[in-house]
C-alpha atoms as a PDB file:
ATOM      1  CA  MET A   1      82.698 -21.141 -44.378  1.00  0.00           C
ATOM      2  CA  VAL A   2      86.421 -19.735 -43.673  1.00  0.00           C
ATOM      3  CA  LEU A   3      89.743 -20.547 -41.877  1.00  0.00           C
ATOM      4  CA  ILE A   4      90.670 -17.515 -39.607  1.00  0.00           C
ATOM      5  CA  ILE A   5      94.832 -16.881 -38.755  1.00  0.00           C
ATOM      6  CA  GLY A   6      94.766 -13.835 -36.634  1.00  0.00           C
ATOM      7  CA  GLU A   7      93.736 -11.535 -39.410  1.00  0.00           C
ATOM      8  CA  GLN A   8      94.140 -13.358 -42.484  1.00  0.00           C
ATOM      9  CA  VAL A   9      90.970 -15.432 -44.182  1.00  0.00           C
ATOM     10  CA  TYR A  10      91.209 -18.194 -46.031  1.00  0.00           C
ATOM     11  CA  SER A  11      87.828 -19.120 -47.761  1.00  0.00           C
ATOM     12  CA  ARG A  12      88.236 -21.738 -50.455  1.00  0.00           C
ATOM     13  CA  LYS A  13      92.256 -23.483 -49.492  1.00  0.00           C
ATOM     14  CA  CYS A  14      95.180 -23.582 -46.981  1.00  0.00           C
ATOM     15  CA  THR A  15      98.348 -25.373 -46.841  1.00  0.00           C
ATOM     16  CA  LEU A  16     101.386 -25.729 -45.043  1.00  0.00           C
ATOM     17  CA  GLU A  17     102.829 -23.163 -46.959  1.00  0.00           C
ATOM     18  CA  ASP A  18     100.432 -20.541 -46.439  1.00  0.00           C
ATOM     19  CA  LEU A  19     101.033 -20.896 -42.484  1.00  0.00           C
ATOM     20  CA  GLU A  20     104.965 -19.860 -43.043  1.00  0.00           C
ATOM     21  CA  GLU A  21     102.698 -16.317 -43.093  1.00  0.00           C
ATOM     22  CA  HIS A  22     101.694 -16.153 -39.822  1.00  0.00           C
ATOM     23  CA  ALA A  23     105.048 -16.186 -37.689  1.00  0.00           C
ATOM     24  CA  ASP A  24     102.650 -15.847 -34.382  1.00  0.00           C
ATOM     25  CA  LEU A  25     101.599 -18.794 -35.059  1.00  0.00           C
ATOM     26  CA  ILE A  26     103.994 -21.025 -35.891  1.00  0.00           C
ATOM     27  CA  SER A  27     106.555 -19.076 -33.074  1.00  0.00           C
ATOM     28  CA  SER A  28     103.416 -20.088 -30.789  1.00  0.00           C
ATOM     29  CA  SER A  29     103.012 -24.043 -32.219  1.00  0.00           C
ATOM     30  CA  ARG A  30     107.222 -24.391 -32.115  1.00  0.00           C
ATOM     31  CA  GLU A  31     106.901 -23.431 -28.139  1.00  0.00           C
ATOM     32  CA  PHE A  32     103.762 -25.634 -27.621  1.00  0.00           C
ATOM     33  CA  ALA A  33     105.468 -28.659 -29.491  1.00  0.00           C
ATOM     34  CA  LYS A  34     108.898 -28.044 -27.494  1.00  0.00           C
ATOM     35  CA  SER A  35     106.872 -27.832 -24.080  1.00  0.00           C
ATOM     36  CA  ASN A  36     107.013 -30.583 -21.234  1.00  0.00           C
ATOM     37  CA  GLU A  37     105.316 -34.114 -21.923  1.00  0.00           C
ATOM     38  CA  TYR A  38     103.232 -34.798 -18.972  1.00  0.00           C
ATOM     39  CA  LYS A  39     102.158 -38.032 -17.624  1.00  0.00           C
ATOM     40  CA  GLN A  40      98.449 -39.071 -16.400  1.00  0.00           C
ATOM     41  CA  LEU A  41      98.153 -39.145 -13.193  1.00  0.00           C
ATOM     42  CA  PRO A  42      96.033 -41.941 -11.359  1.00  0.00           C
ATOM     43  CA  ASP A  43      93.766 -39.504 -10.131  1.00  0.00           C
ATOM     44  CA  GLU A  44      93.481 -37.656 -13.610  1.00  0.00           C
ATOM     45  CA  ILE A  45      91.803 -41.165 -15.126  1.00  0.00           C
ATOM     46  CA  SER A  46      88.417 -40.543 -13.693  1.00  0.00           C
ATOM     47  CA  ARG A  47      87.634 -37.519 -15.057  1.00  0.00           C
ATOM     48  CA  THR A  48      89.506 -38.174 -18.883  1.00  0.00           C
ATOM     49  CA  ILE A  49      88.156 -39.203 -22.006  1.00  0.00           C
ATOM     50  CA  TYR A  50      90.267 -40.999 -24.131  1.00  0.00           C
ATOM     51  CA  VAL A  51      89.777 -40.529 -27.713  1.00  0.00           C
ATOM     52  CA  HIS A  52      91.672 -43.797 -29.924  1.00  0.00           C
ATOM     53  CA  GLN A  53      92.590 -43.383 -33.348  1.00  0.00           C
ATOM     54  CA  ARG A  54      89.826 -42.676 -36.084  1.00  0.00           C
ATOM     55  CA  GLU A  55      87.588 -41.793 -33.296  1.00  0.00           C
ATOM     56  CA  PHE A  56      85.972 -38.540 -32.134  1.00  0.00           C
ATOM     57  CA  ALA A  57      84.630 -37.596 -28.554  1.00  0.00           C
ATOM     58  CA  VAL A  58      82.590 -34.360 -27.521  1.00  0.00           C
ATOM     59  CA  ILE A  59      82.142 -33.185 -23.715  1.00  0.00           C
ATOM     60  CA  GLY A  60      79.856 -30.216 -22.937  1.00  0.00           C
ATOM     61  CA  ARG A  61      80.359 -27.569 -20.039  1.00  0.00           C
ATOM     62  CA  SER A  62      78.151 -29.857 -17.348  1.00  0.00           C
ATOM     63  CA  ASP A  63      79.312 -33.896 -18.365  1.00  0.00           C
ATOM     64  CA  PRO A  64      77.151 -36.341 -16.651  1.00  0.00           C
ATOM     65  CA  ASN A  65      80.091 -38.318 -15.480  1.00  0.00           C
ATOM     66  CA  GLY A  66      82.033 -35.213 -14.204  1.00  0.00           C
ATOM     67  CA  PHE A  67      84.400 -35.515 -17.121  1.00  0.00           C
ATOM     68  CA  HIS A  68      86.581 -32.662 -18.485  1.00  0.00           C
ATOM     69  CA  LEU A  69      89.544 -33.803 -19.593  1.00  0.00           C
ATOM     70  CA  ILE A  70      89.958 -35.051 -23.112  1.00  0.00           C
ATOM     71  CA  GLY A  71      92.819 -36.027 -25.428  1.00  0.00           C
ATOM     72  CA  SER A  72      94.344 -38.767 -27.490  1.00  0.00           C
ATOM     73  CA  ASP A  73      97.671 -40.267 -27.450  1.00  0.00           C
ATOM     74  CA  ASP A  74     100.019 -42.207 -30.262  1.00  0.00           C
ATOM     75  CA  ALA A  75     100.019 -39.829 -33.565  1.00  0.00           C
ATOM     76  CA  THR A  76     102.981 -40.385 -35.402  1.00  0.00           C
ATOM     77  CA  THR A  77     101.623 -39.107 -38.750  1.00  0.00           C
ATOM     78  CA  CYS A  78      98.160 -38.998 -36.896  1.00  0.00           C
ATOM     79  CA  HIS A  79      96.806 -35.455 -36.516  1.00  0.00           C
ATOM     80  CA  ILE A  80      94.886 -34.920 -33.255  1.00  0.00           C
ATOM     81  CA  LEU A  81      92.478 -31.980 -33.133  1.00  0.00           C
ATOM     82  CA  VAL A  82      90.743 -30.150 -30.341  1.00  0.00           C
ATOM     83  CA  LEU A  83      87.639 -27.850 -31.344  1.00  0.00           C
ATOM     84  CA  ASP A  84      85.891 -25.857 -28.880  1.00  0.00           C
ATOM     85  CA  ASN A  85      82.494 -24.283 -29.800  1.00  0.00           C
ATOM     86  CA  GLN A  86      82.309 -22.696 -26.190  1.00  0.00           C
ATOM     87  CA  CYS A  87      79.449 -24.511 -25.157  1.00  0.00           C
ATOM     88  CA  ALA A  88      81.273 -28.195 -26.045  1.00  0.00           C
ATOM     89  CA  VAL A  89      84.804 -29.172 -26.635  1.00  0.00           C
ATOM     90  CA  GLY A  90      85.460 -32.107 -29.130  1.00  0.00           C
ATOM     91  CA  VAL A  91      88.790 -34.144 -29.998  1.00  0.00           C
ATOM     92  CA  ILE A  92      89.577 -36.154 -33.274  1.00  0.00           C
ATOM     93  CA  HIS A  93      92.383 -38.576 -33.722  1.00  0.00           C
ATOM     94  CA  LEU A  94      92.122 -38.306 -38.004  1.00  0.00           C
ATOM     95  CA  ASP A  95      94.785 -40.851 -39.694  1.00  0.00           C
ATOM     96  CA  GLY A  96      93.654 -39.841 -43.588  1.00  0.00           C
ATOM     97  CA  GLU A  97      90.704 -42.343 -43.520  1.00  0.00           C
ATOM     98  CA  GLU A  98      87.983 -40.098 -44.776  1.00  0.00           C
ATOM     99  CA  THR A  99      89.017 -36.720 -43.786  1.00  0.00           C
ATOM    100  CA  ASP A 100      86.312 -34.748 -44.683  1.00  0.00           C
ATOM    101  CA  GLU A 101      83.517 -37.677 -43.656  1.00  0.00           C
ATOM    102  CA  SER A 102      85.324 -37.558 -40.153  1.00  0.00           C
ATOM    103  CA  LEU A 103      85.277 -34.236 -39.196  1.00  0.00           C
ATOM    104  CA  GLU A 104      81.342 -33.333 -40.495  1.00  0.00           C
ATOM    105  CA  ASN A 105      80.695 -36.255 -38.459  1.00  0.00           C
ATOM    106  CA  MET A 106      82.312 -34.356 -35.554  1.00  0.00           C
ATOM    107  CA  LEU A 107      80.325 -31.302 -36.215  1.00  0.00           C
ATOM    108  CA  ASP A 108      77.092 -32.797 -36.928  1.00  0.00           C
ATOM    109  CA  GLU A 109      77.512 -33.884 -32.871  1.00  0.00           C
ATOM    110  CA  MET A 110      78.955 -30.409 -31.567  1.00  0.00           C
ATOM    111  CA  LYS A 111      76.241 -28.729 -33.698  1.00  0.00           C
ATOM    112  CA  LYS A 112      73.856 -30.257 -30.859  1.00  0.00           C
ATOM    113  CA  TYR A 113      75.016 -28.628 -28.430  1.00  0.00           C
ATOM    114  CA  ALA A 114      74.853 -25.182 -29.830  1.00  0.00           C
ATOM    115  CA  PRO A 115      73.408 -25.045 -32.778  1.00  0.00           C
ATOM    116  CA  ASP A 116      73.490 -21.641 -33.613  1.00  0.00           C
ATOM    117  CA  ASN A 117      77.164 -20.875 -32.877  1.00  0.00           C
ATOM    118  CA  THR A 118      79.220 -21.511 -36.332  1.00  0.00           C
ATOM    119  CA  ASN A 119      82.219 -19.948 -34.729  1.00  0.00           C
ATOM    120  CA  TYR A 120      85.262 -23.180 -33.649  1.00  0.00           C
ATOM    121  CA  ASP A 121      88.604 -22.660 -31.986  1.00  0.00           C
ATOM    122  CA  ALA A 122      91.403 -25.175 -33.416  1.00  0.00           C
ATOM    123  CA  TYR A 123      93.808 -26.792 -32.326  1.00  0.00           C
ATOM    124  CA  LEU A 124      95.524 -28.839 -34.408  1.00  0.00           C
ATOM    125  CA  VAL A 125      98.871 -31.408 -33.583  1.00  0.00           C
ATOM    126  CA  GLY A 126     100.486 -34.222 -34.856  1.00  0.00           C
ATOM    127  CA  GLY A 127     102.596 -35.028 -37.646  1.00  0.00           C
ATOM    128  CA  PHE A 128     105.988 -34.897 -38.572  1.00  0.00           C
ATOM    129  CA  ILE A 129     108.847 -35.136 -41.999  1.00  0.00           C
ATOM    130  CA  ASP A 130     108.413 -38.375 -42.365  1.00  0.00           C
ATOM    131  CA  GLY A 131     110.533 -39.829 -44.749  1.00  0.00           C
ATOM    132  CA  SER A 132     107.961 -42.064 -46.620  1.00  0.00           C
ATOM    133  CA  THR A 133     107.344 -41.700 -50.145  1.00  0.00           C
ATOM    134  CA  ARG A 134     103.764 -41.106 -49.590  1.00  0.00           C
ATOM    135  CA  GLN A 135     104.510 -37.536 -47.289  1.00  0.00           C
ATOM    136  CA  TYR A 136     101.692 -38.984 -44.785  1.00  0.00           C
ATOM    137  CA  SER A 137     102.388 -36.376 -42.373  1.00  0.00           C
ATOM    138  CA  HIS A 138     102.323 -33.703 -45.129  1.00  0.00           C
ATOM    139  CA  LYS A 139      99.229 -35.328 -46.652  1.00  0.00           C
ATOM    140  CA  LEU A 140      97.234 -34.922 -43.687  1.00  0.00           C
ATOM    141  CA  SER A 141      98.443 -31.568 -42.745  1.00  0.00           C
ATOM    142  CA  ASN A 142      96.978 -29.952 -46.018  1.00  0.00           C
ATOM    143  CA  GLU A 143      93.391 -32.812 -46.199  1.00  0.00           C
ATOM    144  CA  VAL A 144      92.759 -30.814 -42.790  1.00  0.00           C
ATOM    145  CA  LEU A 145      93.982 -27.516 -43.495  1.00  0.00           C
ATOM    146  CA  LYS A 146      91.697 -27.536 -46.823  1.00  0.00           C
ATOM    147  CA  ALA A 147      88.845 -28.903 -44.993  1.00  0.00           C
ATOM    148  CA  PHE A 148      88.723 -25.950 -42.735  1.00  0.00           C
ATOM    149  CA  SER A 149      88.884 -23.433 -45.184  1.00  0.00           C
ATOM    150  CA  SER A 150      86.190 -24.895 -47.261  1.00  0.00           C
ATOM    151  CA  MET A 151      83.862 -26.490 -45.074  1.00  0.00           C
ATOM    152  CA  LYS A 152      80.267 -25.145 -45.167  1.00  0.00           C
ATOM    153  CA  ASN A 153      78.768 -22.568 -42.666  1.00  0.00           C
ATOM    154  CA  VAL A 154      81.776 -22.943 -39.852  1.00  0.00           C
ATOM    155  CA  SER A 155      84.792 -20.648 -38.985  1.00  0.00           C
ATOM    156  CA  PHE A 156      87.568 -22.094 -37.603  1.00  0.00           C
ATOM    157  CA  HIS A 157      89.544 -19.988 -35.721  1.00  0.00           C
ATOM    158  CA  LEU A 158      93.578 -21.911 -35.456  1.00  0.00           C
ATOM    159  CA  LYS A 159      94.882 -21.177 -32.503  1.00  0.00           C
ATOM    160  CA  LEU A 160      97.658 -23.622 -32.640  1.00  0.00           C
ATOM    161  CA  ALA A 161      99.063 -25.914 -35.246  1.00  0.00           C
ATOM    162  CA  ALA A 162     102.256 -27.621 -34.137  1.00  0.00           C
ATOM    163  CA  ILE A 163     102.148 -29.895 -37.366  1.00  0.00           C
ATOM    164  CA  THR A 164     104.445 -31.590 -39.489  1.00  0.00           C
ATOM    165  CA  PRO A 165     107.225 -28.597 -40.013  1.00  0.00           C
ATOM    166  CA  TYR A 166     106.336 -27.252 -37.148  1.00  0.00           C
ATOM    167  CA  ASN A 167     106.333 -30.734 -34.310  1.00  0.00           C
ATOM    168  CA  ASP A 168     109.566 -32.005 -36.182  1.00  0.00           C
ATOM    169  CA  HIS A 169     112.614 -32.975 -34.290  1.00  0.00           C
ATOM    170  CA  ILE A 170     115.776 -34.801 -35.273  1.00  0.00           C
ATOM    171  CA  ILE A 171     117.715 -37.102 -33.505  1.00  0.00           C
ATOM    172  CA  ASN A 172     120.828 -38.903 -35.125  1.00  0.00           C
ATOM    173  CA  LYS A 173     119.551 -38.135 -38.306  1.00  0.00           C
ATOM    174  CA  ILE A 174     116.264 -39.512 -37.901  1.00  0.00           C
ATOM    175  CA  HIS A 175     113.188 -37.154 -37.984  1.00  0.00           C
ATOM    176  CA  TYR A 176     110.809 -37.701 -34.821  1.00  0.00           C
ATOM    177  CA  PRO A 177     107.289 -36.030 -33.787  1.00  0.00           C
ATOM    178  CA  LEU A 178     107.638 -34.268 -30.714  1.00  0.00           C
ATOM    179  CA  ILE A 179     104.007 -34.511 -29.874  1.00  0.00           C
ATOM    180  CA  TYR A 180     102.338 -37.603 -29.405  1.00  0.00           C
ATOM    181  CA  GLY A 181      99.194 -37.422 -27.248  1.00  0.00           C
ATOM    182  CA  ILE A 182      97.683 -34.307 -25.954  1.00  0.00           C
ATOM    183  CA  CYS A 183      94.900 -33.657 -23.181  1.00  0.00           C
ATOM    184  CA  PHE A 184      92.613 -30.693 -23.188  1.00  0.00           C
ATOM    185  CA  ASP A 185      90.471 -29.642 -19.951  1.00  0.00           C
ATOM    186  CA  VAL A 186      87.052 -28.124 -21.219  1.00  0.00           C
ATOM    187  CA  ASN A 187      87.393 -25.865 -17.929  1.00  0.00           C
ATOM    188  CA  THR A 188      90.325 -24.051 -18.247  1.00  0.00           C
ATOM    189  CA  LYS A 189      90.828 -24.405 -21.513  1.00  0.00           C
ATOM    190  CA  THR A 190      94.131 -25.360 -21.466  1.00  0.00           C
ATOM    191  CA  ILE A 191      96.098 -28.014 -23.459  1.00  0.00           C
ATOM    192  CA  ARG A 192      98.942 -30.235 -22.685  1.00  0.00           C
ATOM    193  CA  LYS A 193     101.355 -32.623 -24.244  1.00  0.00           C
ATOM    194  CA  MET A 194     100.493 -36.082 -22.505  1.00  0.00           C
ATOM    195  CA  ASN A 195     101.599 -39.887 -22.336  1.00  0.00           C
ATOM    196  CA  PHE A 196      98.273 -41.492 -21.241  1.00  0.00           C
ATOM    197  CA  ILE A 197      98.546 -44.830 -18.690  1.00  0.00           C
ATOM    198  CA  ASP A 198      94.552 -45.286 -19.577  1.00  0.00           C
ATOM    199  CA  PHE A 199      92.856 -45.854 -22.337  1.00  0.00           C
ATOM    200  CA  GLY A 200      89.335 -46.289 -21.263  1.00  0.00           C
ATOM    201  CA  PRO A 201      87.122 -48.976 -21.689  1.00  0.00           C
ATOM    202  CA  ALA A 202      87.053 -51.852 -24.624  1.00  0.00           C
ATOM    203  CA  PHE A 203      90.406 -50.364 -25.610  1.00  0.00           C
ATOM    204  CA  ARG A 204      91.273 -53.411 -26.712  1.00  0.00           C
ATOM    205  CA  LEU A 205      87.874 -54.171 -29.014  1.00  0.00           C
ATOM    206  CA  ARG A 206      87.842 -50.984 -30.483  1.00  0.00           C
ATOM    207  CA  SER A 207      91.458 -51.455 -31.244  1.00  0.00           C
ATOM    208  CA  VAL A 208      90.714 -54.354 -33.445  1.00  0.00           C
ATOM    209  CA  TYR A 209      87.777 -52.273 -34.604  1.00  0.00           C
ATOM    210  CA  LEU A 210      90.180 -49.699 -36.143  1.00  0.00           C
ATOM    211  CA  SER A 211      92.850 -52.774 -37.338  1.00  0.00           C
ATOM    212  CA  VAL A 212      89.983 -55.028 -39.103  1.00  0.00           C
ATOM    213  CA  HIS A 213      87.767 -52.372 -40.528  1.00  0.00           C
ATOM    214  CA  THR A 214      87.935 -49.139 -43.321  1.00  0.00           C
ATOM    215  CA  HIS A 215      85.914 -46.247 -41.420  1.00  0.00           C
ATOM    216  CA  CYS A 216      85.981 -42.800 -41.310  1.00  0.00           C
ATOM    217  CA  ALA A 217      85.945 -41.592 -37.329  1.00  0.00           C
ATOM    218  CA  TRP A 218      83.273 -42.731 -35.096  1.00  0.00           C
ATOM    219  CA  CYS A 219      81.891 -41.061 -32.029  1.00  0.00           C
ATOM    220  CA  ILE A 220      83.018 -42.785 -29.018  1.00  0.00           C
ATOM    221  CA  TYR A 221      81.567 -40.628 -26.394  1.00  0.00           C
ATOM    222  CA  SER A 222      79.052 -37.114 -26.008  1.00  0.00           C
ATOM    223  CA  SER A 223      78.261 -36.074 -22.971  1.00  0.00           C
ATOM    224  CA  LEU A 224      74.329 -35.831 -23.994  1.00  0.00           C
ATOM    225  CA  GLN A 225      74.161 -39.848 -23.578  1.00  0.00           C
ATOM    226  CA  GLY A 226      77.100 -40.263 -21.190  1.00  0.00           C
ATOM    227  CA  ILE A 227      78.073 -43.659 -22.115  1.00  0.00           C
ATOM    228  CA  VAL A 228      80.177 -45.258 -24.768  1.00  0.00           C
ATOM    229  CA  THR A 229      78.917 -47.921 -27.280  1.00  0.00           C
ATOM    230  CA  ILE A 230      80.269 -50.047 -29.207  1.00  0.00           C
ATOM    231  CA  LYS A 231      78.737 -50.590 -32.895  1.00  0.00           C
ATOM    232  CA  GLU A 232      78.223 -54.132 -33.948  1.00  0.00           C
ATOM    233  CA  PHE A 233      81.214 -55.965 -36.384  1.00  0.00           C
ATOM    234  CA  SER A 234      82.533 -58.554 -37.199  1.00  0.00           C
ATOM    235  CA  ILE A 235      86.166 -59.672 -38.368  1.00  0.00           C
ATOM    236  CA  ASP A 236      86.396 -61.156 -41.828  1.00  0.00           C
ATOM    237  CA  LYS A 237      87.985 -64.855 -41.411  1.00  0.00           C
ATOM    238  CA  ASN A 238      89.737 -63.992 -44.798  1.00  0.00           C
ATOM    239  CA  ILE A 239      91.600 -60.922 -43.824  1.00  0.00           C
ATOM    240  CA  VAL A 240      92.518 -63.293 -40.938  1.00  0.00           C
ATOM    241  CA  LYS A 241      93.911 -65.957 -43.137  1.00  0.00           C
ATOM    242  CA  ARG A 242      95.778 -63.442 -45.184  1.00  0.00           C
ATOM    243  CA  TYR A 243      96.916 -61.107 -42.852  1.00  0.00           C
ATOM    244  CA  TYR A 244      97.037 -61.494 -39.422  1.00  0.00           C
ATOM    245  CA  GLU A 245      97.963 -65.579 -39.153  1.00  0.00           C
ATOM    246  CA  PRO A 246     101.053 -64.831 -41.475  1.00  0.00           C
ATOM    247  CA  LEU A 247     102.113 -61.774 -38.938  1.00  0.00           C
ATOM    248  CA  TYR A 248     101.731 -63.901 -36.050  1.00  0.00           C
ATOM    249  CA  LEU A 249     103.649 -66.924 -37.517  1.00  0.00           C
ATOM    250  CA  TYR A 250     106.096 -65.226 -39.269  1.00  0.00           C
ATOM    251  CA  TYR A 251     106.628 -61.685 -37.560  1.00  0.00           C
ATOM    252  CA  PHE A 252     105.257 -62.084 -34.500  1.00  0.00           C
ATOM    253  CA  TYR A 253     108.924 -62.673 -32.350  1.00  0.00           C
ATOM    254  CA  ASN A 254     110.689 -60.098 -34.727  1.00  0.00           C
ATOM    255  CA  ASP A 255     110.007 -56.982 -33.371  1.00  0.00           C
ATOM    256  CA  GLN A 256     111.623 -55.028 -35.747  1.00  0.00           C
ATOM    257  CA  LYS A 257     109.945 -56.905 -39.442  1.00  0.00           C
ATOM    258  CA  LEU A 258     106.279 -56.803 -36.936  1.00  0.00           C
ATOM    259  CA  LEU A 259     107.317 -52.566 -36.534  1.00  0.00           C
ATOM    260  CA  SER A 260     107.659 -52.312 -40.618  1.00  0.00           C
ATOM    261  CA  MET A 261     104.494 -54.249 -41.249  1.00  0.00           C
ATOM    262  CA  THR A 262     102.210 -52.825 -39.209  1.00  0.00           C
ATOM    263  CA  SER A 263     103.300 -48.942 -38.728  1.00  0.00           C
ATOM    264  CA  THR A 264     103.625 -46.212 -41.326  1.00  0.00           C
ATOM    265  CA  SER A 265     106.630 -44.857 -39.105  1.00  0.00           C
ATOM    266  CA  PRO A 266     107.839 -47.908 -37.829  1.00  0.00           C
ATOM    267  CA  GLU A 267     110.873 -45.777 -36.082  1.00  0.00           C
ATOM    268  CA  GLN A 268     108.928 -43.317 -33.956  1.00  0.00           C
ATOM    269  CA  GLU A 269     106.362 -44.986 -32.296  1.00  0.00           C
ATOM    270  CA  ARG A 270     106.034 -45.065 -28.737  1.00  0.00           C
ATOM    271  CA  SER A 271     107.501 -48.196 -27.103  1.00  0.00           C
ATOM    272  CA  SER A 272     104.149 -49.292 -26.066  1.00  0.00           C
ATOM    273  CA  TYR A 273     103.233 -49.845 -29.834  1.00  0.00           C
ATOM    274  CA  LEU A 274     104.462 -53.460 -30.044  1.00  0.00           C
ATOM    275  CA  THR A 275     102.631 -54.485 -26.834  1.00  0.00           C
ATOM    276  CA  HIS A 276      99.284 -53.010 -28.646  1.00  0.00           C
ATOM    277  CA  ILE A 277      99.929 -54.648 -32.236  1.00  0.00           C
ATOM    278  CA  LYS A 278     100.902 -57.888 -30.368  1.00  0.00           C
ATOM    279  CA  LYS A 279      98.061 -57.766 -28.322  1.00  0.00           C
ATOM    280  CA  ASN A 280      95.686 -56.954 -31.219  1.00  0.00           C
ATOM    281  CA  ILE A 281      96.909 -60.029 -33.262  1.00  0.00           C
ATOM    282  CA  LEU A 282      95.778 -62.422 -30.231  1.00  0.00           C
ATOM    283  CA  PHE A 283      93.258 -61.019 -29.364  1.00  0.00           C
ATOM    284  CA  ILE A 284      92.128 -61.354 -33.707  1.00  0.00           C
ATOM    285  CA  LEU A 285      93.236 -64.755 -33.732  1.00  0.00           C
ATOM    286  CA  LYS A 286      91.859 -66.281 -30.487  1.00  0.00           C
ATOM    287  CA  TYR A 287      87.950 -64.447 -30.594  1.00  0.00           C
ATOM    288  CA  PHE A 288      87.629 -63.760 -34.052  1.00  0.00           C
ATOM    289  CA  LYS A 289      85.277 -66.429 -34.320  1.00  0.00           C
ATOM    290  CA  GLU A 290      82.949 -65.453 -31.599  1.00  0.00           C
ATOM    291  CA  LEU A 291      83.062 -62.156 -31.484  1.00  0.00           C
ATOM    292  CA  SER A 292      79.917 -61.062 -33.362  1.00  0.00           C
ATOM    293  CA  GLU A 293      77.958 -63.304 -30.324  1.00  0.00           C
ATOM    294  CA  TRP A 294      78.989 -60.771 -27.716  1.00  0.00           C
ATOM    295  CA  PHE A 295      76.978 -57.861 -28.920  1.00  0.00           C
ATOM    296  CA  ASP A 296      73.007 -57.198 -27.868  1.00  0.00           C
ATOM    297  CA  LYS A 297      70.807 -59.036 -30.534  1.00  0.00           C
ATOM    298  CA  GLN A 298      68.464 -56.019 -30.205  1.00  0.00           C
ATOM    299  CA  THR A 299      70.477 -52.993 -29.914  1.00  0.00           C
ATOM    300  CA  HIS A 300      73.346 -54.350 -32.443  1.00  0.00           C
ATOM    301  CA  SER A 301      75.672 -53.053 -29.534  1.00  0.00           C
ATOM    302  CA  ILE A 302      78.272 -53.079 -26.577  1.00  0.00           C
ATOM    303  CA  VAL A 303      77.008 -50.263 -23.612  1.00  0.00           C
ATOM    304  CA  TYR A 304      79.410 -49.496 -20.470  1.00  0.00           C
ATOM    305  CA  TYR A 305      77.645 -47.276 -18.315  1.00  0.00           C
ATOM    306  CA  ARG A 306      79.465 -45.059 -15.586  1.00  0.00           C
ATOM    307  CA  LEU A 307      78.963 -46.574 -12.048  1.00  0.00           C
ATOM    308  CA  ASN A 308      80.780 -45.234  -8.765  1.00  0.00           C
ATOM    309  CA  GLU A 309      83.645 -43.555 -11.506  1.00  0.00           C
ATOM    310  CA  LYS A 310      84.367 -46.360 -13.045  1.00  0.00           C
ATOM    311  CA  TRP A 311      83.084 -48.176 -16.696  1.00  0.00           C
ATOM    312  CA  ILE A 312      80.355 -51.038 -16.525  1.00  0.00           C
ATOM    313  CA  THR A 313      79.002 -52.913 -18.484  1.00  0.00           C
ATOM    314  CA  ASN A 314      75.949 -55.668 -18.417  1.00  0.00           C
ATOM    315  CA  ASN A 315      77.104 -57.761 -21.536  1.00  0.00           C
ATOM    316  CA  THR A 316      78.882 -60.700 -19.567  1.00  0.00           C
ATOM    317  CA  ASN A 317      80.450 -62.611 -22.818  1.00  0.00           C
ATOM    318  CA  VAL A 318      83.265 -59.390 -23.525  1.00  0.00           C
ATOM    319  CA  ILE A 319      86.858 -60.028 -23.043  1.00  0.00           C
ATOM    320  CA  GLU A 320      88.326 -57.182 -22.281  1.00  0.00           C
ATOM    321  CA  ASP A 321      91.746 -57.539 -23.128  1.00  0.00           C
ATOM    322  CA  VAL A 322      94.472 -60.396 -23.348  1.00  0.00           C
ATOM    323  CA  GLU A 323      97.850 -61.318 -22.345  1.00  0.00           C
ATOM    324  CA  ILE A 324     101.206 -61.528 -24.056  1.00  0.00           C
END
């Protein structure tokens, strides 16, 4: 239907330039971007759903597993969006891959919680003034704003827009994002900048899926099901030979080269990025041949469920991670 900012309604298109007219929104967004970043506490892990890049999750008011914190991290040019329809909260980590379809997928899941509710509060963060010729951040900001103003049968009330120029600061003449991660509390409706220490079940497998497949954002968790499901996928041996083997042979021990080969914003990545990407490479090289055997033959998936506040799978074939 429309995007609503204050009393202004955008029914066809909205851009970063249009946001300049909304001083109050910009001021509050800048203030949030400059606020303190929290480090996830150990006792918060059992109450948190973590959303990886190109994933989304939805938590209802009464989650069967007691989750009420939801968030995502490691966004540089990527954007993290929180939607709240008063019955459920959804978080999606967008990277510019099939943005419209990804948003529609999350909305479809959220509508199951409140079929008649067409009003959504929106909190959007991410991006910075990146110096790339492709302007990843600027492009993605405009994609999301346009989707808000043109998506059918939904009204988005933009409460936070800490994106691209309003999420940027300069250190030694280099631009950086102020926000990398956020956590939203479903109970209190509060949002914090967050540095996560736990990324949920099957994080390496989920990260590898992102690395080897082009796809829109997919649902990693919904309170209606209360489980985490990893859909079956395989890794093309040609991709391994053409990309991952050379990455390991020529760049694995050269951090700067590896950063430039794998990131849209190598100077701005968190220090943990290199560890994650190296583990992905090793995981793919070691297990790509046997990966298809890990998935259940009937459900074509790997399912994790909660038991005593821990994620459990009955699949004994799964390898959770590798060491460098």
